[in-house]
Amino acid sequence: MVHLMQPMLADRCCWGANAMVRYETSGSLSVPEDGIVVFRFAGKEADVMPFARGEFHAVVRGPGRYKLEVAIESHDRSQRLALADAELVVSQEGPMLVSVEV
């Protein structure tokens, strides 16, 4: 299982903002023994992590809704073992995860 924590705005600069989303895996699947953590952000693969917990930095260009998928996949990438689907909402007040499905 993949748990996602509410994001924080990590930094801001002239080209956008960096929203940090922390994750943690648990259950019978073990990262890195059974697989890797794969992040897909706004429809594209954004990062791959070999750690059971950590953080993903999503670079956003402005306010809006962005799709975020966090999956545990087998090492050869042939199987998706677990998935957390969420929507990252970025507004003037900061980022927030909504519609988290595991």
C-alpha atoms as a PDB file:
ATOM      1  CA  MET A   1       0.000   0.000   0.000  1.00  0.00           C
ATOM      2  CA  VAL A   2       1.143   3.547  -0.711  1.00  0.00           C
ATOM      3  CA  HIS A   3       0.258   6.342   1.735  1.00  0.00           C
ATOM      4  CA  LEU A   4       0.468   9.972   0.584  1.00  0.00           C
ATOM      5  CA  MET A   5       0.759  12.861   3.029  1.00  0.00           C
ATOM      6  CA  GLN A   6      -0.599  16.362   2.416  1.00  0.00           C
ATOM      7  CA  PRO A   7       1.925  18.359   0.396  1.00  0.00           C
ATOM      8  CA  MET A   8       3.845  21.459   1.358  1.00  0.00           C
ATOM      9  CA  LEU A   9       5.057  24.275  -0.841  1.00  0.00           C
ATOM     10  CA  ALA A  10       8.818  23.677  -0.820  1.00  0.00           C
ATOM     11  CA  ASP A  11       9.984  26.806  -2.619  1.00  0.00           C
ATOM     12  CA  ARG A  12       8.970  29.412  -5.141  1.00  0.00           C
ATOM     13  CA  CYS A  13      10.924  31.022  -7.933  1.00  0.00           C
ATOM     14  CA  CYS A  14      10.421  32.925 -11.177  1.00  0.00           C
ATOM     15  CA  TRP A  15       9.350  29.831 -13.197  1.00  0.00           C
ATOM     16  CA  GLY A  16       6.941  28.149 -10.802  1.00  0.00           C
ATOM     17  CA  ALA A  17       6.561  26.416  -7.474  1.00  0.00           C
ATOM     18  CA  ASN A  18       7.823  23.145  -6.057  1.00  0.00           C
ATOM     19  CA  ALA A  19       5.149  21.178  -4.160  1.00  0.00           C
ATOM     20  CA  MET A  20       6.645  18.437  -1.981  1.00  0.00           C
ATOM     21  CA  VAL A  21       4.534  15.282  -1.507  1.00  0.00           C
ATOM     22  CA  ARG A  22       5.751  12.743   1.050  1.00  0.00           C
ATOM     23  CA  TYR A  23       4.995   9.048   0.605  1.00  0.00           C
ATOM     24  CA  GLU A  24       5.377   5.855   2.627  1.00  0.00           C
ATOM     25  CA  THR A  25       4.822   2.244   1.612  1.00  0.00           C
ATOM     26  CA  SER A  26       3.516  -0.451   3.962  1.00  0.00           C
ATOM     27  CA  GLY A  27       1.992  -3.890   3.976  1.00  0.00           C
ATOM     28  CA  SER A  28       3.232  -7.124   2.471  1.00  0.00           C
ATOM     29  CA  LEU A  29       5.104  -5.397  -0.368  1.00  0.00           C
ATOM     30  CA  SER A  30       8.632  -4.346   0.433  1.00  0.00           C
ATOM     31  CA  VAL A  31      10.500  -1.586  -1.352  1.00  0.00           C
ATOM     32  CA  PRO A  32      13.225  -2.087  -2.578  1.00  0.00           C
ATOM     33  CA  GLU A  33      13.085  -5.915  -2.231  1.00  0.00           C
ATOM     34  CA  ASP A  34       9.828  -6.438  -4.202  1.00  0.00           C
ATOM     35  CA  GLY A  35       9.811  -3.347  -6.390  1.00  0.00           C
ATOM     36  CA  ILE A  36      10.314   0.372  -6.877  1.00  0.00           C
ATOM     37  CA  VAL A  37       8.138   3.460  -6.390  1.00  0.00           C
ATOM     38  CA  VAL A  38       7.176   5.217  -9.631  1.00  0.00           C
ATOM     39  CA  PHE A  39       5.700   8.734  -9.795  1.00  0.00           C
ATOM     40  CA  ARG A  40       3.592   9.917 -12.713  1.00  0.00           C
ATOM     41  CA  PHE A  41       2.733  13.599 -12.612  1.00  0.00           C
ATOM     42  CA  ALA A  42       0.483  15.434 -15.084  1.00  0.00           C
ATOM     43  CA  GLY A  43       0.421  12.370 -17.345  1.00  0.00           C
ATOM     44  CA  LYS A  44       4.188  11.770 -17.542  1.00  0.00           C
ATOM     45  CA  GLU A  45       6.626   9.636 -15.603  1.00  0.00           C
ATOM     46  CA  ALA A  46       8.375  12.060 -13.288  1.00  0.00           C
ATOM     47  CA  ASP A  47      10.560  10.060 -10.907  1.00  0.00           C
ATOM     48  CA  VAL A  48      11.522   6.571  -9.712  1.00  0.00           C
ATOM     49  CA  MET A  49      12.530   5.873  -6.113  1.00  0.00           C
ATOM     50  CA  PRO A  50      14.059   2.698  -4.614  1.00  0.00           C
ATOM     51  CA  PHE A  51      13.051   3.720  -1.064  1.00  0.00           C
ATOM     52  CA  ALA A  52      10.085   2.665   1.140  1.00  0.00           C
ATOM     53  CA  ARG A  53       9.506   6.292   2.132  1.00  0.00           C
ATOM     54  CA  GLY A  54      10.568   9.649   0.815  1.00  0.00           C
ATOM     55  CA  GLU A  55       9.320  12.681  -1.029  1.00  0.00           C
ATOM     56  CA  PHE A  56       8.477  13.743  -4.541  1.00  0.00           C
ATOM     57  CA  HIS A  57       8.911  17.321  -5.713  1.00  0.00           C
ATOM     58  CA  ALA A  58       6.268  18.343  -8.236  1.00  0.00           C
ATOM     59  CA  VAL A  59       7.149  21.454 -10.206  1.00  0.00           C
ATOM     60  CA  VAL A  60       3.964  23.369 -10.998  1.00  0.00           C
ATOM     61  CA  ARG A  61       3.749  26.397 -13.247  1.00  0.00           C
ATOM     62  CA  GLY A  62       0.737  27.936 -11.567  1.00  0.00           C
ATOM     63  CA  PRO A  63      -2.604  27.308  -9.884  1.00  0.00           C
ATOM     64  CA  GLY A  64      -4.545  24.318 -11.166  1.00  0.00           C
ATOM     65  CA  ARG A  65      -5.370  20.644 -10.772  1.00  0.00           C
ATOM     66  CA  TYR A  66      -2.682  18.072 -11.547  1.00  0.00           C
ATOM     67  CA  LYS A  67      -3.039  14.263 -11.681  1.00  0.00           C
ATOM     68  CA  LEU A  68      -0.563  12.330  -9.503  1.00  0.00           C
ATOM     69  CA  GLU A  69      -0.094   8.555  -9.581  1.00  0.00           C
ATOM     70  CA  VAL A  70       2.261   6.810  -7.185  1.00  0.00           C
ATOM     71  CA  ALA A  71       2.761   3.119  -7.914  1.00  0.00           C
ATOM     72  CA  ILE A  72       4.863   0.267  -6.656  1.00  0.00           C
ATOM     73  CA  GLU A  73       6.051  -1.591  -9.733  1.00  0.00           C
ATOM     74  CA  SER A  74       8.186  -4.702 -10.139  1.00  0.00           C
ATOM     75  CA  HIS A  75      11.869  -4.106 -10.810  1.00  0.00           C
ATOM     76  CA  ASP A  76      11.488  -5.010 -14.486  1.00  0.00           C
ATOM     77  CA  ARG A  77       8.453  -2.653 -14.689  1.00  0.00           C
ATOM     78  CA  SER A  78       6.220  -5.458 -16.017  1.00  0.00           C
ATOM     79  CA  GLN A  79       3.757  -5.447 -13.068  1.00  0.00           C
ATOM     80  CA  ARG A  80       2.009  -2.759 -11.050  1.00  0.00           C
ATOM     81  CA  LEU A  81       1.831  -4.096  -7.512  1.00  0.00           C
ATOM     82  CA  ALA A  82       0.062  -1.158  -5.797  1.00  0.00           C
ATOM     83  CA  LEU A  83      -1.289   2.244  -6.820  1.00  0.00           C
ATOM     84  CA  ALA A  84      -2.313   5.484  -5.140  1.00  0.00           C
ATOM     85  CA  ASP A  85      -4.160   7.891  -7.417  1.00  0.00           C
ATOM     86  CA  ALA A  86      -4.548  11.511  -6.345  1.00  0.00           C
ATOM     87  CA  GLU A  87      -5.125  14.995  -7.593  1.00  0.00           C
ATOM     88  CA  LEU A  88      -2.766  17.779  -6.548  1.00  0.00           C
ATOM     89  CA  VAL A  89      -4.657  21.059  -6.307  1.00  0.00           C
ATOM     90  CA  VAL A  90      -2.494  24.174  -6.260  1.00  0.00           C
ATOM     91  CA  SER A  91      -4.064  27.485  -5.276  1.00  0.00           C
ATOM     92  CA  GLN A  92      -2.973  30.788  -3.771  1.00  0.00           C
ATOM     93  CA  GLU A  93      -3.313  29.163  -0.320  1.00  0.00           C
ATOM     94  CA  GLY A  94      -0.857  26.395  -1.258  1.00  0.00           C
ATOM     95  CA  PRO A  95      -0.996  22.794  -2.526  1.00  0.00           C
ATOM     96  CA  MET A  96      -3.441  20.117  -1.341  1.00  0.00           C
ATOM     97  CA  LEU A  97      -4.107  16.478  -2.267  1.00  0.00           C
ATOM     98  CA  VAL A  98      -7.699  15.545  -3.043  1.00  0.00           C
ATOM     99  CA  SER A  99      -9.432  12.419  -4.350  1.00  0.00           C
ATOM    100  CA  VAL A 100      -6.795  10.036  -3.028  1.00  0.00           C
ATOM    101  CA  GLU A 101      -7.635   6.448  -4.078  1.00  0.00           C
ATOM    102  CA  VAL A 102      -5.607   3.405  -3.055  1.00  0.00           C
END
